[in-house]
Amino acid sequence: MGNLDPRNTTEFLLQENNRLVTNLISASGGGSATNSATSTVASISNAAVQLLAANGNRVEAVVFNDSTANLYLKLGTGATQSDFTLILKPQEALVVDKYSGDIYGIWSATNGNARLTETS
């Protein structure tokens, strides 16, 4: 995943093979209560796609790779298959906590969608 700053307050959870794997990049705890949730579907592409725009009110985001292809996900702009934060394998989900910036993705093949839920 590259060089990670341990002072970064980004925390994310990755579900792999029906078990929850926690990747913690911060020692800070818990999120806030949410008032609303918005769900969208992003169509698969072999070019970088903005899955979620920056949102200062975001409490949490869930990304589900509803595809048979790997999703190269980037916290930031312009994901590529060589410049990404992590890879979501087919049918994996990611919960992004304490990150309000852009989230981009690109797939290894064009088959399926990303299902997104953002709470604020």
PDB file of N, CA and C in Angstrom:
ATOM      1  N   MET A   1       0.800  -1.178   0.000  1.00  0.00           N
ATOM      2  CA  MET A   1       0.000   0.000   0.000  1.00  0.00           C
ATOM      3  C   MET A   1       0.853   1.256   0.000  1.00  0.00           C
ATOM      4  N   GLY A   2       2.113   1.168  -0.137  1.00  0.00           N
ATOM      5  CA  GLY A   2       2.934   2.359  -0.192  1.00  0.00           C
ATOM      6  C   GLY A   2       3.336   2.842   1.184  1.00  0.00           C
ATOM      7  N   ASN A   3       3.831   4.062   1.226  1.00  0.00           N
ATOM      8  CA  ASN A   3       4.258   4.654   2.482  1.00  0.00           C
ATOM      9  C   ASN A   3       3.067   5.266   3.199  1.00  0.00           C
ATOM     10  N   LEU A   4       2.784   4.768   4.386  1.00  0.00           N
ATOM     11  CA  LEU A   4       1.652   5.260   5.153  1.00  0.00           C
ATOM     12  C   LEU A   4       2.156   6.093   6.317  1.00  0.00           C
ATOM     13  N   ASP A   5       1.502   7.194   6.569  1.00  0.00           N
ATOM     14  CA  ASP A   5       1.843   8.078   7.668  1.00  0.00           C
ATOM     15  C   ASP A   5       1.081   7.618   8.903  1.00  0.00           C
ATOM     16  N   PRO A   6       1.766   7.171   9.966  1.00  0.00           N
ATOM     17  CA  PRO A   6       1.063   6.675  11.149  1.00  0.00           C
ATOM     18  C   PRO A   6       0.259   7.759  11.854  1.00  0.00           C
ATOM     19  N   ARG A   7       0.463   9.022  11.496  1.00  0.00           N
ATOM     20  CA  ARG A   7      -0.312  10.105  12.103  1.00  0.00           C
ATOM     21  C   ARG A   7      -1.603  10.356  11.342  1.00  0.00           C
ATOM     22  N   ASN A   8      -1.770   9.692  10.199  1.00  0.00           N
ATOM     23  CA  ASN A   8      -2.973   9.841   9.396  1.00  0.00           C
ATOM     24  C   ASN A   8      -4.164   9.295  10.178  1.00  0.00           C
ATOM     25  N   THR A   9      -5.306   9.964  10.100  1.00  0.00           N
ATOM     26  CA  THR A   9      -6.476   9.519  10.864  1.00  0.00           C
ATOM     27  C   THR A   9      -7.434   8.693  10.021  1.00  0.00           C
ATOM     28  N   THR A  10      -6.942   8.070   8.977  1.00  0.00           N
ATOM     29  CA  THR A  10      -7.782   7.208   8.145  1.00  0.00           C
ATOM     30  C   THR A  10      -7.804   5.800   8.723  1.00  0.00           C
ATOM     31  N   GLU A  11      -8.987   5.271   8.850  1.00  0.00           N
ATOM     32  CA  GLU A  11      -9.159   3.905   9.335  1.00  0.00           C
ATOM     33  C   GLU A  11     -10.062   3.182   8.350  1.00  0.00           C
ATOM     34  N   PHE A  12      -9.710   1.967   7.974  1.00  0.00           N
ATOM     35  CA  PHE A  12     -10.606   1.240   7.096  1.00  0.00           C
ATOM     36  C   PHE A  12     -10.629  -0.231   7.462  1.00  0.00           C
ATOM     37  N   LEU A  13     -11.739  -0.872   7.112  1.00  0.00           N
ATOM     38  CA  LEU A  13     -11.947  -2.286   7.374  1.00  0.00           C
ATOM     39  C   LEU A  13     -12.130  -2.984   6.045  1.00  0.00           C
ATOM     40  N   LEU A  14     -11.580  -4.153   5.927  1.00  0.00           N
ATOM     41  CA  LEU A  14     -11.688  -4.917   4.693  1.00  0.00           C
ATOM     42  C   LEU A  14     -12.266  -6.281   5.009  1.00  0.00           C
ATOM     43  N   GLN A  15     -13.331  -6.626   4.312  1.00  0.00           N
ATOM     44  CA  GLN A  15     -13.924  -7.946   4.475  1.00  0.00           C
ATOM     45  C   GLN A  15     -13.299  -8.861   3.440  1.00  0.00           C
ATOM     46  N   GLU A  16     -12.734  -9.961   3.896  1.00  0.00           N
ATOM     47  CA  GLU A  16     -12.074 -10.888   2.995  1.00  0.00           C
ATOM     48  C   GLU A  16     -12.532 -12.301   3.319  1.00  0.00           C
ATOM     49  N   ASN A  17     -13.062 -12.984   2.321  1.00  0.00           N
ATOM     50  CA  ASN A  17     -13.520 -14.364   2.480  1.00  0.00           C
ATOM     51  C   ASN A  17     -14.459 -14.511   3.670  1.00  0.00           C
ATOM     52  N   ASN A  18     -15.432 -13.595   3.766  1.00  0.00           N
ATOM     53  CA  ASN A  18     -16.450 -13.617   4.814  1.00  0.00           C
ATOM     54  C   ASN A  18     -15.898 -13.480   6.227  1.00  0.00           C
ATOM     55  N   ARG A  19     -14.714 -12.911   6.368  1.00  0.00           N
ATOM     56  CA  ARG A  19     -14.212 -12.582   7.694  1.00  0.00           C
ATOM     57  C   ARG A  19     -13.696 -11.152   7.633  1.00  0.00           C
ATOM     58  N   LEU A  20     -13.780 -10.477   8.737  1.00  0.00           N
ATOM     59  CA  LEU A  20     -13.417  -9.070   8.770  1.00  0.00           C
ATOM     60  C   LEU A  20     -11.942  -8.924   9.112  1.00  0.00           C
ATOM     61  N   VAL A  21     -11.229  -8.220   8.270  1.00  0.00           N
ATOM     62  CA  VAL A  21      -9.820  -7.935   8.488  1.00  0.00           C
ATOM     63  C   VAL A  21      -9.735  -6.437   8.734  1.00  0.00           C
ATOM     64  N   THR A  22      -9.118  -6.021   9.825  1.00  0.00           N
ATOM     65  CA  THR A  22      -9.031  -4.611  10.159  1.00  0.00           C
ATOM     66  C   THR A  22      -7.659  -4.084   9.805  1.00  0.00           C
ATOM     67  N   ASN A  23      -7.645  -3.010   9.024  1.00  0.00           N
ATOM     68  CA  ASN A  23      -6.418  -2.292   8.732  1.00  0.00           C
ATOM     69  C   ASN A  23      -6.549  -0.947   9.414  1.00  0.00           C
ATOM     70  N   LEU A  24      -5.784  -0.725  10.464  1.00  0.00           N
ATOM     71  CA  LEU A  24      -5.888   0.494  11.233  1.00  0.00           C
ATOM     72  C   LEU A  24      -4.657   1.336  10.981  1.00  0.00           C
ATOM     73  N   ILE A  25      -4.882   2.546  10.480  1.00  0.00           N
ATOM     74  CA  ILE A  25      -3.760   3.437  10.206  1.00  0.00           C
ATOM     75  C   ILE A  25      -3.749   4.548  11.239  1.00  0.00           C
ATOM     76  N   SER A  26      -4.547   4.422  12.262  1.00  0.00           N
ATOM     77  CA  SER A  26      -4.655   5.470  13.253  1.00  0.00           C
ATOM     78  C   SER A  26      -4.930   4.858  14.616  1.00  0.00           C
ATOM     79  N   ALA A  27      -4.442   5.482  15.641  1.00  0.00           N
ATOM     80  CA  ALA A  27      -4.742   5.029  16.988  1.00  0.00           C
ATOM     81  C   ALA A  27      -5.982   5.729  17.526  1.00  0.00           C
ATOM     82  N   SER A  28      -6.567   6.644  16.747  1.00  0.00           N
ATOM     83  CA  SER A  28      -7.753   7.360  17.207  1.00  0.00           C
ATOM     84  C   SER A  28      -8.955   6.435  17.154  1.00  0.00           C
ATOM     85  N   GLY A  29      -9.935   6.667  18.006  1.00  0.00           N
ATOM     86  CA  GLY A  29     -11.060   5.753  18.113  1.00  0.00           C
ATOM     87  C   GLY A  29     -12.343   6.287  17.537  1.00  0.00           C
ATOM     88  N   GLY A  30     -13.357   5.427  17.477  1.00  0.00           N
ATOM     89  CA  GLY A  30     -14.737   5.580  17.114  1.00  0.00           C
ATOM     90  C   GLY A  30     -15.194   6.707  16.223  1.00  0.00           C
ATOM     91  N   GLY A  31     -16.256   6.472  15.503  1.00  0.00           N
ATOM     92  CA  GLY A  31     -16.855   7.466  14.639  1.00  0.00           C
ATOM     93  C   GLY A  31     -18.009   8.172  15.325  1.00  0.00           C
ATOM     94  N   SER A  32     -18.658   9.018  14.591  1.00  0.00           N
ATOM     95  CA  SER A  32     -19.794   9.773  15.089  1.00  0.00           C
ATOM     96  C   SER A  32     -21.091   9.080  14.697  1.00  0.00           C
ATOM     97  N   ALA A  33     -22.179   9.474  15.376  1.00  0.00           N
ATOM     98  CA  ALA A  33     -23.499   8.980  14.996  1.00  0.00           C
ATOM     99  C   ALA A  33     -23.872   9.571  13.644  1.00  0.00           C
ATOM    100  N   THR A  34     -24.613   8.814  12.845  1.00  0.00           N
ATOM    101  CA  THR A  34     -24.986   9.295  11.523  1.00  0.00           C
ATOM    102  C   THR A  34     -26.462   9.650  11.479  1.00  0.00           C
ATOM    103  N   ASN A  35     -26.801  10.585  10.610  1.00  0.00           N
ATOM    104  CA  ASN A  35     -28.185  11.008  10.445  1.00  0.00           C
ATOM    105  C   ASN A  35     -28.781  10.538   9.133  1.00  0.00           C
ATOM    106  N   SER A  36     -27.948  10.259   8.127  1.00  0.00           N
ATOM    107  CA  SER A  36     -28.481   9.846   6.838  1.00  0.00           C
ATOM    108  C   SER A  36     -27.488   8.964   6.106  1.00  0.00           C
ATOM    109  N   ALA A  37     -28.012   8.199   5.156  1.00  0.00           N
ATOM    110  CA  ALA A  37     -27.184   7.348   4.310  1.00  0.00           C
ATOM    111  C   ALA A  37     -27.665   7.490   2.874  1.00  0.00           C
ATOM    112  N   THR A  38     -26.708   7.529   1.956  1.00  0.00           N
ATOM    113  CA  THR A  38     -27.010   7.634   0.538  1.00  0.00           C
ATOM    114  C   THR A  38     -26.331   6.477  -0.176  1.00  0.00           C
ATOM    115  N   SER A  39     -27.094   5.739  -0.979  1.00  0.00           N
ATOM    116  CA  SER A  39     -26.544   4.611  -1.735  1.00  0.00           C
ATOM    117  C   SER A  39     -26.537   4.927  -3.222  1.00  0.00           C
ATOM    118  N   THR A  40     -25.445   4.542  -3.895  1.00  0.00           N
ATOM    119  CA  THR A  40     -25.321   4.722  -5.338  1.00  0.00           C
ATOM    120  C   THR A  40     -24.645   3.501  -5.929  1.00  0.00           C
ATOM    121  N   VAL A  41     -24.714   3.398  -7.250  1.00  0.00           N
ATOM    122  CA  VAL A  41     -24.016   2.328  -7.974  1.00  0.00           C
ATOM    123  C   VAL A  41     -23.118   2.993  -9.004  1.00  0.00           C
ATOM    124  N   ALA A  42     -21.855   2.600  -9.034  1.00  0.00           N
ATOM    125  CA  ALA A  42     -20.912   3.105 -10.028  1.00  0.00           C
ATOM    126  C   ALA A  42     -20.669   2.019 -11.062  1.00  0.00           C
ATOM    127  N   SER A  43     -20.819   2.363 -12.315  1.00  0.00           N
ATOM    128  CA  SER A  43     -20.582   1.401 -13.392  1.00  0.00           C
ATOM    129  C   SER A  43     -19.097   1.124 -13.538  1.00  0.00           C
ATOM    130  N   ILE A  44     -18.801  -0.123 -13.826  1.00  0.00           N
ATOM    131  CA  ILE A  44     -17.422  -0.570 -13.971  1.00  0.00           C
ATOM    132  C   ILE A  44     -16.786   0.088 -15.189  1.00  0.00           C
ATOM    133  N   SER A  45     -15.472   0.304 -15.110  1.00  0.00           N
ATOM    134  CA  SER A  45     -14.760   0.940 -16.207  1.00  0.00           C
ATOM    135  C   SER A  45     -13.301   0.503 -16.185  1.00  0.00           C
ATOM    136  N   ASN A  46     -12.667   0.555 -17.368  1.00  0.00           N
ATOM    137  CA  ASN A  46     -11.229   0.293 -17.414  1.00  0.00           C
ATOM    138  C   ASN A  46     -10.454   1.611 -17.398  1.00  0.00           C
ATOM    139  N   ALA A  47     -11.174   2.713 -17.086  1.00  0.00           N
ATOM    140  CA  ALA A  47     -10.568   4.022 -16.829  1.00  0.00           C
ATOM    141  C   ALA A  47     -10.944   4.416 -15.402  1.00  0.00           C
ATOM    142  N   ALA A  48     -10.170   5.285 -14.787  1.00  0.00           N
ATOM    143  CA  ALA A  48     -10.441   5.704 -13.416  1.00  0.00           C
ATOM    144  C   ALA A  48     -11.828   6.333 -13.306  1.00  0.00           C
ATOM    145  N   VAL A  49     -12.565   5.947 -12.258  1.00  0.00           N
ATOM    146  CA  VAL A  49     -13.915   6.431 -12.011  1.00  0.00           C
ATOM    147  C   VAL A  49     -13.948   7.040 -10.608  1.00  0.00           C
ATOM    148  N   GLN A  50     -14.569   8.225 -10.502  1.00  0.00           N
ATOM    149  CA  GLN A  50     -14.773   8.797  -9.174  1.00  0.00           C
ATOM    150  C   GLN A  50     -15.944   8.063  -8.544  1.00  0.00           C
ATOM    151  N   LEU A  51     -15.659   7.268  -7.510  1.00  0.00           N
ATOM    152  CA  LEU A  51     -16.709   6.515  -6.834  1.00  0.00           C
ATOM    153  C   LEU A  51     -17.459   7.407  -5.862  1.00  0.00           C
ATOM    154  N   LEU A  52     -16.728   8.220  -5.103  1.00  0.00           N
ATOM    155  CA  LEU A  52     -17.326   9.180  -4.186  1.00  0.00           C
ATOM    156  C   LEU A  52     -16.539  10.476  -4.244  1.00  0.00           C
ATOM    157  N   ALA A  53     -17.265  11.584  -4.333  1.00  0.00           N
ATOM    158  CA  ALA A  53     -16.631  12.906  -4.298  1.00  0.00           C
ATOM    159  C   ALA A  53     -16.302  13.272  -2.857  1.00  0.00           C
ATOM    160  N   ALA A  54     -15.345  14.152  -2.685  1.00  0.00           N
ATOM    161  CA  ALA A  54     -15.005  14.640  -1.356  1.00  0.00           C
ATOM    162  C   ALA A  54     -16.272  15.173  -0.683  1.00  0.00           C
ATOM    163  N   ASN A  55     -16.417  14.873   0.603  1.00  0.00           N
ATOM    164  CA  ASN A  55     -17.598  15.288   1.351  1.00  0.00           C
ATOM    165  C   ASN A  55     -17.184  15.516   2.799  1.00  0.00           C
ATOM    166  N   GLY A  56     -17.106  16.776   3.205  1.00  0.00           N
ATOM    167  CA  GLY A  56     -16.699  17.120   4.562  1.00  0.00           C
ATOM    168  C   GLY A  56     -17.647  16.618   5.632  1.00  0.00           C
ATOM    169  N   ASN A  57     -18.871  16.250   5.250  1.00  0.00           N
ATOM    170  CA  ASN A  57     -19.851  15.732   6.203  1.00  0.00           C
ATOM    171  C   ASN A  57     -19.839  14.212   6.307  1.00  0.00           C
ATOM    172  N   ARG A  58     -19.005  13.550   5.489  1.00  0.00           N
ATOM    173  CA  ARG A  58     -18.978  12.081   5.493  1.00  0.00           C
ATOM    174  C   ARG A  58     -18.496  11.560   6.840  1.00  0.00           C
ATOM    175  N   VAL A  59     -19.248  10.614   7.390  1.00  0.00           N
ATOM    176  CA  VAL A  59     -18.850   9.919   8.606  1.00  0.00           C
ATOM    177  C   VAL A  59     -18.206   8.590   8.240  1.00  0.00           C
ATOM    178  N   GLU A  60     -18.792   7.926   7.251  1.00  0.00           N
ATOM    179  CA  GLU A  60     -18.323   6.600   6.852  1.00  0.00           C
ATOM    180  C   GLU A  60     -18.759   6.345   5.420  1.00  0.00           C
ATOM    181  N   ALA A  61     -17.990   5.529   4.711  1.00  0.00           N
ATOM    182  CA  ALA A  61     -18.366   5.102   3.366  1.00  0.00           C
ATOM    183  C   ALA A  61     -18.139   3.595   3.264  1.00  0.00           C
ATOM    184  N   VAL A  62     -19.044   2.926   2.548  1.00  0.00           N
ATOM    185  CA  VAL A  62     -18.914   1.495   2.299  1.00  0.00           C
ATOM    186  C   VAL A  62     -18.805   1.313   0.790  1.00  0.00           C
ATOM    187  N   VAL A  63     -17.782   0.571   0.362  1.00  0.00           N
ATOM    188  CA  VAL A  63     -17.591   0.251  -1.047  1.00  0.00           C
ATOM    189  C   VAL A  63     -17.654  -1.266  -1.170  1.00  0.00           C
ATOM    190  N   PHE A  64     -18.565  -1.752  -2.017  1.00  0.00           N
ATOM    191  CA  PHE A  64     -18.691  -3.191  -2.271  1.00  0.00           C
ATOM    192  C   PHE A  64     -18.375  -3.444  -3.738  1.00  0.00           C
ATOM    193  N   ASN A  65     -17.402  -4.309  -4.004  1.00  0.00           N
ATOM    194  CA  ASN A  65     -17.023  -4.650  -5.375  1.00  0.00           C
ATOM    195  C   ASN A  65     -17.929  -5.765  -5.884  1.00  0.00           C
ATOM    196  N   ASP A  66     -19.034  -5.373  -6.516  1.00  0.00           N
ATOM    197  CA  ASP A  66     -20.007  -6.323  -7.049  1.00  0.00           C
ATOM    198  C   ASP A  66     -19.608  -6.671  -8.486  1.00  0.00           C
ATOM    199  N   SER A  67     -18.487  -7.368  -8.593  1.00  0.00           N
ATOM    200  CA  SER A  67     -17.868  -7.644  -9.883  1.00  0.00           C
ATOM    201  C   SER A  67     -17.105  -8.961  -9.803  1.00  0.00           C
ATOM    202  N   THR A  68     -16.720  -9.468 -10.961  1.00  0.00           N
ATOM    203  CA  THR A  68     -15.842 -10.635 -11.007  1.00  0.00           C
ATOM    204  C   THR A  68     -14.396 -10.210 -11.226  1.00  0.00           C
ATOM    205  N   ALA A  69     -14.143  -8.890 -11.259  1.00  0.00           N
ATOM    206  CA  ALA A  69     -12.799  -8.346 -11.483  1.00  0.00           C
ATOM    207  C   ALA A  69     -12.301  -7.639 -10.222  1.00  0.00           C
ATOM    208  N   ASN A  70     -10.985  -7.510 -10.094  1.00  0.00           N
ATOM    209  CA  ASN A  70     -10.404  -6.751  -8.993  1.00  0.00           C
ATOM    210  C   ASN A  70     -10.692  -5.269  -9.175  1.00  0.00           C
ATOM    211  N   LEU A  71     -10.972  -4.580  -8.068  1.00  0.00           N
ATOM    212  CA  LEU A  71     -11.167  -3.141  -8.057  1.00  0.00           C
ATOM    213  C   LEU A  71      -9.959  -2.511  -7.377  1.00  0.00           C
ATOM    214  N   TYR A  72      -9.201  -1.711  -8.124  1.00  0.00           N
ATOM    215  CA  TYR A  72      -8.056  -0.981  -7.585  1.00  0.00           C
ATOM    216  C   TYR A  72      -8.608   0.327  -7.042  1.00  0.00           C
ATOM    217  N   LEU A  73      -8.621   0.453  -5.729  1.00  0.00           N
ATOM    218  CA  LEU A  73      -9.266   1.572  -5.057  1.00  0.00           C
ATOM    219  C   LEU A  73      -8.209   2.549  -4.553  1.00  0.00           C
ATOM    220  N   LYS A  74      -8.490   3.834  -4.709  1.00  0.00           N
ATOM    221  CA  LYS A  74      -7.543   4.847  -4.237  1.00  0.00           C
ATOM    222  C   LYS A  74      -8.263   5.888  -3.398  1.00  0.00           C
ATOM    223  N   LEU A  75      -7.756   6.115  -2.203  1.00  0.00           N
ATOM    224  CA  LEU A  75      -8.204   7.238  -1.390  1.00  0.00           C
ATOM    225  C   LEU A  75      -7.453   8.440  -1.929  1.00  0.00           C
ATOM    226  N   GLY A  76      -8.114   9.228  -2.754  1.00  0.00           N
ATOM    227  CA  GLY A  76      -7.500  10.330  -3.487  1.00  0.00           C
ATOM    228  C   GLY A  76      -7.953  10.250  -4.927  1.00  0.00           C
ATOM    229  N   THR A  77      -7.302  11.005  -5.787  1.00  0.00           N
ATOM    230  CA  THR A  77      -7.739  11.075  -7.186  1.00  0.00           C
ATOM    231  C   THR A  77      -6.912  10.177  -8.089  1.00  0.00           C
ATOM    232  N   GLY A  78      -7.540   9.773  -9.208  1.00  0.00           N
ATOM    233  CA  GLY A  78      -6.841   9.120 -10.304  1.00  0.00           C
ATOM    234  C   GLY A  78      -6.262   7.752 -10.042  1.00  0.00           C
ATOM    235  N   ALA A  79      -7.066   6.783  -9.659  1.00  0.00           N
ATOM    236  CA  ALA A  79      -6.571   5.426  -9.449  1.00  0.00           C
ATOM    237  C   ALA A  79      -6.090   4.806 -10.758  1.00  0.00           C
ATOM    238  N   THR A  80      -5.019   4.038 -10.676  1.00  0.00           N
ATOM    239  CA  THR A  80      -4.553   3.205 -11.781  1.00  0.00           C
ATOM    240  C   THR A  80      -4.196   1.841 -11.202  1.00  0.00           C
ATOM    241  N   GLN A  81      -3.892   0.896 -12.071  1.00  0.00           N
ATOM    242  CA  GLN A  81      -3.506  -0.429 -11.594  1.00  0.00           C
ATOM    243  C   GLN A  81      -2.096  -0.442 -11.015  1.00  0.00           C
ATOM    244  N   SER A  82      -1.398   0.690 -11.089  1.00  0.00           N
ATOM    245  CA  SER A  82      -0.080   0.786 -10.446  1.00  0.00           C
ATOM    246  C   SER A  82      -0.038   1.889  -9.391  1.00  0.00           C
ATOM    247  N   ASP A  83      -1.113   2.681  -9.258  1.00  0.00           N
ATOM    248  CA  ASP A  83      -1.194   3.752  -8.264  1.00  0.00           C
ATOM    249  C   ASP A  83      -2.542   3.644  -7.568  1.00  0.00           C
ATOM    250  N   PHE A  84      -2.576   2.931  -6.446  1.00  0.00           N
ATOM    251  CA  PHE A  84      -3.819   2.650  -5.742  1.00  0.00           C
ATOM    252  C   PHE A  84      -3.532   2.506  -4.257  1.00  0.00           C
ATOM    253  N   THR A  85      -4.594   2.566  -3.450  1.00  0.00           N
ATOM    254  CA  THR A  85      -4.461   2.382  -2.001  1.00  0.00           C
ATOM    255  C   THR A  85      -4.551   0.909  -1.639  1.00  0.00           C
ATOM    256  N   LEU A  86      -5.531   0.207  -2.223  1.00  0.00           N
ATOM    257  CA  LEU A  86      -5.685  -1.226  -1.970  1.00  0.00           C
ATOM    258  C   LEU A  86      -6.506  -1.852  -3.088  1.00  0.00           C
ATOM    259  N   ILE A  87      -6.471  -3.173  -3.141  1.00  0.00           N
ATOM    260  CA  ILE A  87      -7.241  -3.923  -4.137  1.00  0.00           C
ATOM    261  C   ILE A  87      -8.408  -4.602  -3.432  1.00  0.00           C
ATOM    262  N   LEU A  88      -9.620  -4.338  -3.936  1.00  0.00           N
ATOM    263  CA  LEU A  88     -10.793  -5.074  -3.474  1.00  0.00           C
ATOM    264  C   LEU A  88     -11.035  -6.198  -4.470  1.00  0.00           C
ATOM    265  N   LYS A  89     -10.952  -7.415  -3.998  1.00  0.00           N
ATOM    266  CA  LYS A  89     -11.217  -8.566  -4.852  1.00  0.00           C
ATOM    267  C   LYS A  89     -12.720  -8.675  -5.090  1.00  0.00           C
ATOM    268  N   PRO A  90     -13.140  -9.484  -6.055  1.00  0.00           N
ATOM    269  CA  PRO A  90     -14.567  -9.644  -6.324  1.00  0.00           C
ATOM    270  C   PRO A  90     -15.347 -10.002  -5.058  1.00  0.00           C
ATOM    271  N   GLN A  91     -16.476  -9.332  -4.875  1.00  0.00           N
ATOM    272  CA  GLN A  91     -17.400  -9.560  -3.765  1.00  0.00           C
ATOM    273  C   GLN A  91     -16.830  -9.164  -2.398  1.00  0.00           C
ATOM    274  N   GLU A  92     -15.793  -8.354  -2.359  1.00  0.00           N
ATOM    275  CA  GLU A  92     -15.267  -7.832  -1.099  1.00  0.00           C
ATOM    276  C   GLU A  92     -15.854  -6.451  -0.831  1.00  0.00           C
ATOM    277  N   ALA A  93     -15.899  -6.098   0.452  1.00  0.00           N
ATOM    278  CA  ALA A  93     -16.411  -4.801   0.871  1.00  0.00           C
ATOM    279  C   ALA A  93     -15.361  -4.072   1.697  1.00  0.00           C
ATOM    280  N   LEU A  94     -15.410  -2.757   1.633  1.00  0.00           N
ATOM    281  CA  LEU A  94     -14.496  -1.906   2.376  1.00  0.00           C
ATOM    282  C   LEU A  94     -15.309  -0.856   3.109  1.00  0.00           C
ATOM    283  N   VAL A  95     -15.038  -0.671   4.398  1.00  0.00           N
ATOM    284  CA  VAL A  95     -15.644   0.401   5.179  1.00  0.00           C
ATOM    285  C   VAL A  95     -14.555   1.438   5.423  1.00  0.00           C
ATOM    286  N   VAL A  96     -14.783   2.654   4.945  1.00  0.00           N
ATOM    287  CA  VAL A  96     -13.815   3.744   5.106  1.00  0.00           C
ATOM    288  C   VAL A  96     -14.349   4.681   6.173  1.00  0.00           C
ATOM    289  N   ASP A  97     -13.576   4.852   7.224  1.00  0.00           N
ATOM    290  CA  ASP A  97     -13.966   5.672   8.359  1.00  0.00           C
ATOM    291  C   ASP A  97     -12.983   6.825   8.491  1.00  0.00           C
ATOM    292  N   LYS A  98     -13.474   8.023   8.783  1.00  0.00           N
ATOM    293  CA  LYS A  98     -12.628   9.191   9.054  1.00  0.00           C
ATOM    294  C   LYS A  98     -11.829   9.650   7.847  1.00  0.00           C
ATOM    295  N   TYR A  99     -12.372   9.496   6.678  1.00  0.00           N
ATOM    296  CA  TYR A  99     -11.756  10.008   5.452  1.00  0.00           C
ATOM    297  C   TYR A  99     -12.846  10.684   4.651  1.00  0.00           C
ATOM    298  N   SER A 100     -12.672  11.967   4.336  1.00  0.00           N
ATOM    299  CA  SER A 100     -13.729  12.715   3.653  1.00  0.00           C
ATOM    300  C   SER A 100     -13.344  13.145   2.240  1.00  0.00           C
ATOM    301  N   GLY A 101     -12.192  12.690   1.745  1.00  0.00           N
ATOM    302  CA  GLY A 101     -11.735  13.070   0.412  1.00  0.00           C
ATOM    303  C   GLY A 101     -12.318  12.208  -0.695  1.00  0.00           C
ATOM    304  N   ASP A 102     -11.859  12.468  -1.926  1.00  0.00           N
ATOM    305  CA  ASP A 102     -12.289  11.700  -3.092  1.00  0.00           C
ATOM    306  C   ASP A 102     -11.895  10.230  -2.955  1.00  0.00           C
ATOM    307  N   ILE A 103     -12.729   9.357  -3.507  1.00  0.00           N
ATOM    308  CA  ILE A 103     -12.415   7.934  -3.609  1.00  0.00           C
ATOM    309  C   ILE A 103     -12.596   7.545  -5.072  1.00  0.00           C
ATOM    310  N   TYR A 104     -11.528   7.027  -5.666  1.00  0.00           N
ATOM    311  CA  TYR A 104     -11.530   6.625  -7.076  1.00  0.00           C
ATOM    312  C   TYR A 104     -11.291   5.133  -7.185  1.00  0.00           C
ATOM    313  N   GLY A 105     -11.689   4.564  -8.312  1.00  0.00           N
ATOM    314  CA  GLY A 105     -11.450   3.156  -8.559  1.00  0.00           C
ATOM    315  C   GLY A 105     -11.287   2.871 -10.041  1.00  0.00           C
ATOM    316  N   ILE A 106     -10.627   1.764 -10.314  1.00  0.00           N
ATOM    317  CA  ILE A 106     -10.477   1.241 -11.674  1.00  0.00           C
ATOM    318  C   ILE A 106     -10.448  -0.280 -11.556  1.00  0.00           C
ATOM    319  N   TRP A 107     -11.088  -0.965 -12.481  1.00  0.00           N
ATOM    320  CA  TRP A 107     -11.167  -2.425 -12.426  1.00  0.00           C
ATOM    321  C   TRP A 107     -10.154  -3.068 -13.370  1.00  0.00           C
ATOM    322  N   SER A 108      -9.836  -4.326 -13.089  1.00  0.00           N
ATOM    323  CA  SER A 108      -8.909  -5.076 -13.931  1.00  0.00           C
ATOM    324  C   SER A 108      -9.598  -5.602 -15.188  1.00  0.00           C
ATOM    325  N   ALA A 109     -10.928  -5.647 -15.195  1.00  0.00           N
ATOM    326  CA  ALA A 109     -11.726  -6.058 -16.356  1.00  0.00           C
ATOM    327  C   ALA A 109     -13.101  -5.410 -16.213  1.00  0.00           C
ATOM    328  N   THR A 110     -13.827  -5.294 -17.306  1.00  0.00           N
ATOM    329  CA  THR A 110     -15.118  -4.606 -17.266  1.00  0.00           C
ATOM    330  C   THR A 110     -16.269  -5.588 -17.113  1.00  0.00           C
ATOM    331  N   ASN A 111     -16.632  -5.850 -15.852  1.00  0.00           N
ATOM    332  CA  ASN A 111     -17.717  -6.769 -15.557  1.00  0.00           C
ATOM    333  C   ASN A 111     -18.258  -6.465 -14.158  1.00  0.00           C
ATOM    334  N   GLY A 112     -19.409  -5.813 -14.056  1.00  0.00           N
ATOM    335  CA  GLY A 112     -20.029  -5.572 -12.759  1.00  0.00           C
ATOM    336  C   GLY A 112     -20.122  -4.102 -12.386  1.00  0.00           C
ATOM    337  N   ASN A 113     -20.223  -3.836 -11.081  1.00  0.00           N
ATOM    338  CA  ASN A 113     -20.395  -2.490 -10.542  1.00  0.00           C
ATOM    339  C   ASN A 113     -19.716  -2.374  -9.182  1.00  0.00           C
ATOM    340  N   ALA A 114     -19.672  -1.145  -8.687  1.00  0.00           N
ATOM    341  CA  ALA A 114     -19.339  -0.890  -7.286  1.00  0.00           C
ATOM    342  C   ALA A 114     -20.608  -0.371  -6.632  1.00  0.00           C
ATOM    343  N   ARG A 115     -20.953  -0.913  -5.504  1.00  0.00           N
ATOM    344  CA  ARG A 115     -22.116  -0.447  -4.746  1.00  0.00           C
ATOM    345  C   ARG A 115     -21.573   0.368  -3.570  1.00  0.00           C
ATOM    346  N   LEU A 116     -22.073   1.603  -3.445  1.00  0.00           N
ATOM    347  CA  LEU A 116     -21.516   2.559  -2.504  1.00  0.00           C
ATOM    348  C   LEU A 116     -22.593   3.056  -1.552  1.00  0.00           C
ATOM    349  N   THR A 117     -22.243   3.173  -0.287  1.00  0.00           N
ATOM    350  CA  THR A 117     -23.114   3.808   0.690  1.00  0.00           C
ATOM    351  C   THR A 117     -22.274   4.787   1.480  1.00  0.00           C
ATOM    352  N   GLU A 118     -22.776   6.007   1.590  1.00  0.00           N
ATOM    353  CA  GLU A 118     -22.068   7.064   2.307  1.00  0.00           C
ATOM    354  C   GLU A 118     -22.984   7.582   3.408  1.00  0.00           C
ATOM    355  N   THR A 119     -22.471   7.639   4.639  1.00  0.00           N
ATOM    356  CA  THR A 119     -23.249   8.160   5.748  1.00  0.00           C
ATOM    357  C   THR A 119     -22.727   9.530   6.149  1.00  0.00           C
ATOM    358  N   SER A 120     -23.640  10.359   6.605  1.00  0.00           N
ATOM    359  CA  SER A 120     -23.251  11.694   7.078  1.00  0.00           C
ATOM    360  C   SER A 120     -24.142  12.102   8.226  1.00  0.00           C
TER     361      SER A 120
END
